[in-house]
Amino acid sequence: MKHIGFEFTDILPGKTIGKLEFQEFHEQQNGYLHGGMTSTILDMVCGFAAYTLVEQDQQVFTVESKINYYNRGMGKEYFAEGRVDKAGKRFHFCEGELFYFEGDKKITVAKCTTTMALL
């Protein structure tokens, strides 16, 4: 997370929120937020949301992830939210969203669903 400059702003039971200040190394060939950055951020917010609901000696890891890209990432500051949709004994099912604002208008870049295994 430190390497890409992403930081969490809120960590709650079953939910995490964070932000990213766009930098040149985040961009793809046309200057937009790279899809790999998008998937990395969404994996982190979902994974940490899942982690907030496990026991102290447990870990979580991603076993499945599906990302839908809605819009090009053209913002200067991005926000991401991850939440546990359904917590289970072996798996937590999570949802995430990455977005930015143009004035007051929220622009969704991508949404994801992930399955996090508990170990």
N, C-alpha and C. Protein backbone atom coordinates (compact mmCIF):
# COMPACT_ATOMS: atom_id res chain seq x y z
N MET A 1 0.82 -1.19 0.00
CA MET A 1 0.00 0.00 0.00
C MET A 1 0.86 1.25 0.00
N LYS A 2 1.91 1.24 0.78
CA LYS A 2 2.79 2.41 0.81
C LYS A 2 3.44 2.65 -0.55
N HIS A 3 3.81 1.58 -1.23
CA HIS A 3 4.47 1.71 -2.52
C HIS A 3 3.60 2.45 -3.54
N ILE A 4 2.30 2.19 -3.54
CA ILE A 4 1.44 2.86 -4.52
C ILE A 4 0.82 4.15 -3.97
N GLY A 5 0.97 4.41 -2.67
CA GLY A 5 0.47 5.65 -2.10
C GLY A 5 -0.98 5.59 -1.64
N PHE A 6 -1.53 4.38 -1.51
CA PHE A 6 -2.91 4.24 -1.04
C PHE A 6 -2.92 4.25 0.48
N GLU A 7 -3.89 4.96 1.06
CA GLU A 7 -4.00 4.98 2.52
C GLU A 7 -5.45 4.83 2.95
N PHE A 8 -5.64 4.07 4.01
CA PHE A 8 -6.97 3.90 4.58
C PHE A 8 -7.34 5.12 5.39
N THR A 9 -8.58 5.58 5.23
CA THR A 9 -9.08 6.70 6.01
C THR A 9 -10.05 6.25 7.08
N ASP A 10 -10.71 5.11 6.86
CA ASP A 10 -11.63 4.54 7.85
C ASP A 10 -11.54 3.03 7.81
N ILE A 11 -11.48 2.43 8.99
CA ILE A 11 -11.53 0.98 9.11
C ILE A 11 -12.57 0.67 10.17
N LEU A 12 -13.65 0.04 9.72
CA LEU A 12 -14.77 -0.30 10.59
C LEU A 12 -15.02 -1.80 10.49
N PRO A 13 -15.77 -2.39 11.41
CA PRO A 13 -16.07 -3.81 11.28
C PRO A 13 -16.79 -4.10 9.96
N GLY A 14 -16.14 -4.86 9.10
CA GLY A 14 -16.74 -5.25 7.82
C GLY A 14 -16.69 -4.20 6.74
N LYS A 15 -15.97 -3.09 6.96
CA LYS A 15 -15.93 -2.04 5.95
C LYS A 15 -14.63 -1.25 6.05
N THR A 16 -14.04 -0.94 4.89
CA THR A 16 -12.87 -0.07 4.85
C THR A 16 -13.06 0.98 3.77
N ILE A 17 -12.45 2.13 4.00
CA ILE A 17 -12.51 3.25 3.06
C ILE A 17 -11.10 3.82 2.96
N GLY A 18 -10.69 4.17 1.75
CA GLY A 18 -9.36 4.75 1.57
C GLY A 18 -9.30 5.67 0.39
N LYS A 19 -8.11 6.26 0.19
CA LYS A 19 -7.95 7.20 -0.91
C LYS A 19 -6.57 7.08 -1.53
N LEU A 20 -6.49 7.57 -2.76
CA LEU A 20 -5.25 7.56 -3.53
C LEU A 20 -5.13 8.89 -4.26
N GLU A 21 -4.00 9.56 -4.06
CA GLU A 21 -3.68 10.76 -4.83
C GLU A 21 -3.02 10.29 -6.12
N PHE A 22 -3.62 10.61 -7.26
CA PHE A 22 -3.12 10.16 -8.56
C PHE A 22 -1.72 10.72 -8.83
N GLN A 23 -0.82 9.82 -9.26
CA GLN A 23 0.53 10.21 -9.63
C GLN A 23 0.86 9.59 -10.99
N GLU A 24 1.89 10.11 -11.62
CA GLU A 24 2.23 9.66 -12.97
C GLU A 24 2.45 8.15 -13.05
N PHE A 25 3.05 7.54 -12.05
CA PHE A 25 3.31 6.11 -12.14
C PHE A 25 2.05 5.25 -11.98
N HIS A 26 0.91 5.85 -11.68
CA HIS A 26 -0.36 5.13 -11.61
C HIS A 26 -1.04 5.00 -12.98
N GLU A 27 -0.52 5.71 -13.98
CA GLU A 27 -1.24 5.80 -15.25
C GLU A 27 -0.83 4.73 -16.25
N GLN A 28 -1.75 4.47 -17.17
CA GLN A 28 -1.46 3.59 -18.30
C GLN A 28 -1.05 4.46 -19.48
N GLN A 29 -0.93 3.87 -20.67
CA GLN A 29 -0.36 4.56 -21.83
C GLN A 29 -1.13 5.81 -22.28
N ASN A 30 -2.40 5.92 -21.94
CA ASN A 30 -3.19 7.09 -22.35
C ASN A 30 -3.38 8.11 -21.23
N GLY A 31 -2.73 7.88 -20.10
CA GLY A 31 -2.79 8.84 -19.00
C GLY A 31 -3.89 8.59 -17.98
N TYR A 32 -4.67 7.54 -18.14
CA TYR A 32 -5.73 7.21 -17.20
C TYR A 32 -5.20 6.30 -16.10
N LEU A 33 -5.95 6.16 -15.03
CA LEU A 33 -5.58 5.23 -13.96
C LEU A 33 -5.50 3.82 -14.54
N HIS A 34 -4.39 3.15 -14.31
CA HIS A 34 -4.17 1.82 -14.85
C HIS A 34 -5.13 0.81 -14.22
N GLY A 35 -5.62 -0.11 -15.04
CA GLY A 35 -6.53 -1.14 -14.56
C GLY A 35 -5.91 -2.02 -13.49
N GLY A 36 -4.61 -2.24 -13.57
CA GLY A 36 -3.92 -3.02 -12.54
C GLY A 36 -3.92 -2.31 -11.20
N MET A 37 -3.81 -0.98 -11.22
CA MET A 37 -3.89 -0.20 -9.98
C MET A 37 -5.30 -0.31 -9.40
N THR A 38 -6.28 -0.23 -10.29
CA THR A 38 -7.68 -0.34 -9.87
C THR A 38 -7.92 -1.67 -9.18
N SER A 39 -7.49 -2.76 -9.80
CA SER A 39 -7.73 -4.09 -9.22
C SER A 39 -6.95 -4.27 -7.92
N THR A 40 -5.75 -3.71 -7.83
CA THR A 40 -4.97 -3.79 -6.60
C THR A 40 -5.68 -3.10 -5.45
N ILE A 41 -6.16 -1.90 -5.70
CA ILE A 41 -6.85 -1.13 -4.67
C ILE A 41 -8.12 -1.84 -4.22
N LEU A 42 -8.90 -2.33 -5.18
CA LEU A 42 -10.14 -3.02 -4.82
C LEU A 42 -9.86 -4.29 -4.03
N ASP A 43 -8.81 -5.01 -4.39
CA ASP A 43 -8.44 -6.20 -3.64
C ASP A 43 -8.07 -5.83 -2.20
N MET A 44 -7.36 -4.73 -2.03
CA MET A 44 -6.95 -4.30 -0.68
C MET A 44 -8.14 -3.90 0.19
N VAL A 45 -9.05 -3.09 -0.36
CA VAL A 45 -10.17 -2.64 0.49
C VAL A 45 -11.09 -3.79 0.85
N CYS A 46 -11.28 -4.73 -0.07
CA CYS A 46 -12.11 -5.90 0.24
C CYS A 46 -11.40 -6.84 1.21
N GLY A 47 -10.12 -7.07 0.97
CA GLY A 47 -9.36 -7.95 1.85
C GLY A 47 -9.29 -7.44 3.28
N PHE A 48 -9.04 -6.16 3.44
CA PHE A 48 -8.98 -5.61 4.79
C PHE A 48 -10.36 -5.53 5.44
N ALA A 49 -11.41 -5.32 4.64
CA ALA A 49 -12.77 -5.37 5.20
C ALA A 49 -13.04 -6.77 5.76
N ALA A 50 -12.65 -7.80 5.01
CA ALA A 50 -12.80 -9.17 5.47
C ALA A 50 -11.97 -9.43 6.72
N TYR A 51 -10.77 -8.90 6.74
CA TYR A 51 -9.86 -9.11 7.86
C TYR A 51 -10.40 -8.52 9.16
N THR A 52 -11.20 -7.46 9.08
CA THR A 52 -11.75 -6.85 10.30
C THR A 52 -12.72 -7.77 11.02
N LEU A 53 -13.18 -8.83 10.37
CA LEU A 53 -14.19 -9.71 10.97
C LEU A 53 -13.65 -11.08 11.37
N VAL A 54 -12.34 -11.29 11.28
CA VAL A 54 -11.79 -12.60 11.63
C VAL A 54 -11.24 -12.59 13.05
N GLU A 55 -11.01 -13.78 13.56
CA GLU A 55 -10.43 -13.93 14.90
C GLU A 55 -8.95 -13.56 14.85
N GLN A 56 -8.38 -13.30 16.00
CA GLN A 56 -7.01 -12.80 16.08
C GLN A 56 -5.99 -13.71 15.40
N ASP A 57 -6.17 -15.01 15.46
CA ASP A 57 -5.18 -15.93 14.88
C ASP A 57 -5.50 -16.32 13.43
N GLN A 58 -6.51 -15.72 12.83
CA GLN A 58 -6.89 -16.05 11.46
C GLN A 58 -6.30 -15.05 10.46
N GLN A 59 -6.20 -15.51 9.22
CA GLN A 59 -5.78 -14.68 8.11
C GLN A 59 -6.82 -14.80 7.00
N VAL A 60 -6.78 -13.89 6.05
CA VAL A 60 -7.64 -13.98 4.87
C VAL A 60 -6.78 -13.87 3.62
N PHE A 61 -7.26 -14.48 2.55
CA PHE A 61 -6.60 -14.31 1.27
C PHE A 61 -7.63 -14.43 0.17
N THR A 62 -7.37 -13.76 -0.93
CA THR A 62 -8.30 -13.71 -2.05
C THR A 62 -8.27 -15.04 -2.80
N VAL A 63 -9.46 -15.62 -3.00
CA VAL A 63 -9.55 -16.84 -3.81
C VAL A 63 -10.33 -16.60 -5.10
N GLU A 64 -11.03 -15.48 -5.18
CA GLU A 64 -11.76 -15.15 -6.40
C GLU A 64 -12.00 -13.65 -6.42
N SER A 65 -11.91 -13.06 -7.61
CA SER A 65 -12.18 -11.64 -7.77
C SER A 65 -12.72 -11.38 -9.16
N LYS A 66 -13.77 -10.58 -9.22
CA LYS A 66 -14.33 -10.17 -10.51
C LYS A 66 -14.48 -8.66 -10.48
N ILE A 67 -13.93 -8.01 -11.50
CA ILE A 67 -13.95 -6.55 -11.57
C ILE A 67 -14.67 -6.12 -12.83
N ASN A 68 -15.58 -5.18 -12.67
CA ASN A 68 -16.25 -4.55 -13.81
C ASN A 68 -15.77 -3.10 -13.88
N TYR A 69 -15.22 -2.74 -15.03
CA TYR A 69 -14.72 -1.39 -15.24
C TYR A 69 -15.84 -0.56 -15.88
N TYR A 70 -16.26 0.50 -15.19
CA TYR A 70 -17.39 1.32 -15.63
C TYR A 70 -16.94 2.53 -16.47
N ASN A 71 -15.91 3.22 -16.00
CA ASN A 71 -15.45 4.45 -16.64
C ASN A 71 -13.93 4.53 -16.56
N ARG A 72 -13.35 5.34 -17.46
CA ARG A 72 -11.92 5.60 -17.39
C ARG A 72 -11.60 6.35 -16.10
N GLY A 73 -10.45 6.04 -15.54
CA GLY A 73 -10.00 6.75 -14.34
C GLY A 73 -9.33 8.05 -14.73
N MET A 74 -10.07 9.15 -14.62
CA MET A 74 -9.57 10.46 -15.06
C MET A 74 -9.48 11.46 -13.91
N GLY A 75 -9.53 10.96 -12.67
CA GLY A 75 -9.52 11.86 -11.52
C GLY A 75 -8.12 12.19 -11.02
N LYS A 76 -8.06 13.12 -10.11
CA LYS A 76 -6.81 13.49 -9.44
C LYS A 76 -6.72 12.83 -8.08
N GLU A 77 -7.87 12.49 -7.51
CA GLU A 77 -7.94 11.82 -6.21
C GLU A 77 -9.03 10.75 -6.30
N TYR A 78 -8.67 9.54 -5.90
CA TYR A 78 -9.59 8.41 -5.98
C TYR A 78 -9.96 7.94 -4.58
N PHE A 79 -11.16 7.40 -4.47
CA PHE A 79 -11.65 6.86 -3.21
C PHE A 79 -12.08 5.42 -3.45
N ALA A 80 -11.89 4.60 -2.45
CA ALA A 80 -12.27 3.20 -2.56
C ALA A 80 -12.95 2.76 -1.28
N GLU A 81 -13.99 1.94 -1.46
CA GLU A 81 -14.70 1.37 -0.32
C GLU A 81 -14.81 -0.12 -0.53
N GLY A 82 -14.58 -0.86 0.52
CA GLY A 82 -14.76 -2.30 0.51
C GLY A 82 -15.64 -2.69 1.67
N ARG A 83 -16.49 -3.69 1.44
CA ARG A 83 -17.36 -4.13 2.53
C ARG A 83 -17.63 -5.62 2.41
N VAL A 84 -17.87 -6.22 3.56
CA VAL A 84 -18.23 -7.63 3.59
C VAL A 84 -19.74 -7.71 3.37
N ASP A 85 -20.12 -8.37 2.30
CA ASP A 85 -21.53 -8.55 1.98
C ASP A 85 -22.12 -9.71 2.78
N LYS A 86 -21.33 -10.79 2.93
CA LYS A 86 -21.75 -11.94 3.72
C LYS A 86 -20.52 -12.56 4.35
N ALA A 87 -20.52 -12.61 5.67
CA ALA A 87 -19.42 -13.23 6.41
C ALA A 87 -19.78 -14.68 6.70
N GLY A 88 -18.82 -15.57 6.50
CA GLY A 88 -19.03 -16.98 6.77
C GLY A 88 -17.92 -17.55 7.62
N LYS A 89 -17.99 -18.84 7.90
CA LYS A 89 -16.96 -19.50 8.70
C LYS A 89 -15.71 -19.79 7.88
N ARG A 90 -15.86 -20.05 6.59
CA ARG A 90 -14.72 -20.37 5.73
C ARG A 90 -14.43 -19.29 4.69
N PHE A 91 -15.48 -18.55 4.31
CA PHE A 91 -15.33 -17.53 3.28
C PHE A 91 -16.11 -16.27 3.66
N HIS A 92 -15.55 -15.12 3.29
CA HIS A 92 -16.26 -13.84 3.37
C HIS A 92 -16.45 -13.37 1.93
N PHE A 93 -17.66 -12.98 1.61
CA PHE A 93 -17.99 -12.48 0.28
C PHE A 93 -18.05 -10.96 0.37
N CYS A 94 -17.27 -10.29 -0.47
CA CYS A 94 -17.09 -8.84 -0.35
C CYS A 94 -17.44 -8.12 -1.65
N GLU A 95 -17.69 -6.82 -1.50
CA GLU A 95 -17.93 -5.94 -2.64
C GLU A 95 -17.07 -4.69 -2.47
N GLY A 96 -16.62 -4.15 -3.58
CA GLY A 96 -15.81 -2.95 -3.53
C GLY A 96 -16.16 -1.99 -4.65
N GLU A 97 -15.81 -0.74 -4.45
CA GLU A 97 -16.04 0.29 -5.47
C GLU A 97 -14.90 1.29 -5.43
N LEU A 98 -14.43 1.70 -6.61
CA LEU A 98 -13.42 2.74 -6.75
C LEU A 98 -14.05 3.88 -7.55
N PHE A 99 -13.88 5.11 -7.06
CA PHE A 99 -14.54 6.25 -7.70
C PHE A 99 -13.76 7.53 -7.47
N TYR A 100 -14.15 8.57 -8.19
CA TYR A 100 -13.61 9.91 -7.99
C TYR A 100 -14.76 10.89 -8.20
N PHE A 101 -14.49 12.15 -7.95
CA PHE A 101 -15.51 13.18 -8.11
C PHE A 101 -15.10 14.19 -9.18
N GLU A 102 -16.09 14.58 -9.99
CA GLU A 102 -15.98 15.73 -10.88
C GLU A 102 -16.95 16.75 -10.32
N GLY A 103 -16.42 17.72 -9.57
CA GLY A 103 -17.31 18.63 -8.84
C GLY A 103 -18.06 17.82 -7.80
N ASP A 104 -19.39 17.86 -7.85
CA ASP A 104 -20.22 17.11 -6.93
C ASP A 104 -20.64 15.75 -7.48
N LYS A 105 -20.27 15.47 -8.71
CA LYS A 105 -20.70 14.24 -9.37
C LYS A 105 -19.72 13.09 -9.09
N LYS A 106 -20.25 12.01 -8.55
CA LYS A 106 -19.45 10.81 -8.28
C LYS A 106 -19.33 10.00 -9.56
N ILE A 107 -18.09 9.67 -9.95
CA ILE A 107 -17.81 8.87 -11.15
C ILE A 107 -17.24 7.52 -10.69
N THR A 108 -17.98 6.46 -10.93
CA THR A 108 -17.50 5.13 -10.58
C THR A 108 -16.54 4.63 -11.65
N VAL A 109 -15.35 4.28 -11.25
CA VAL A 109 -14.36 3.72 -12.17
C VAL A 109 -14.57 2.21 -12.30
N ALA A 110 -14.75 1.53 -11.16
CA ALA A 110 -14.92 0.08 -11.19
C ALA A 110 -15.59 -0.41 -9.92
N LYS A 111 -16.23 -1.57 -10.05
CA LYS A 111 -16.79 -2.28 -8.90
C LYS A 111 -16.29 -3.72 -8.97
N CYS A 112 -16.24 -4.35 -7.81
CA CYS A 112 -15.78 -5.73 -7.79
C CYS A 112 -16.57 -6.55 -6.78
N THR A 113 -16.51 -7.84 -6.98
CA THR A 113 -16.94 -8.81 -5.97
C THR A 113 -15.75 -9.73 -5.75
N THR A 114 -15.52 -10.07 -4.50
CA THR A 114 -14.41 -10.94 -4.17
C THR A 114 -14.86 -11.98 -3.16
N THR A 115 -14.16 -13.10 -3.20
CA THR A 115 -14.33 -14.13 -2.19
C THR A 115 -13.02 -14.22 -1.43
N MET A 116 -13.09 -14.06 -0.13
CA MET A 116 -11.91 -14.13 0.72
C MET A 116 -12.00 -15.40 1.58
N ALA A 117 -10.99 -16.22 1.49
CA ALA A 117 -10.94 -17.44 2.30
C ALA A 117 -10.33 -17.11 3.67
N LEU A 118 -10.83 -17.77 4.70
CA LEU A 118 -10.29 -17.63 6.05
C LEU A 118 -9.37 -18.81 6.33
N LEU A 119 -8.22 -18.52 6.89
CA LEU A 119 -7.24 -19.57 7.19
C LEU A 119 -6.85 -19.46 8.64
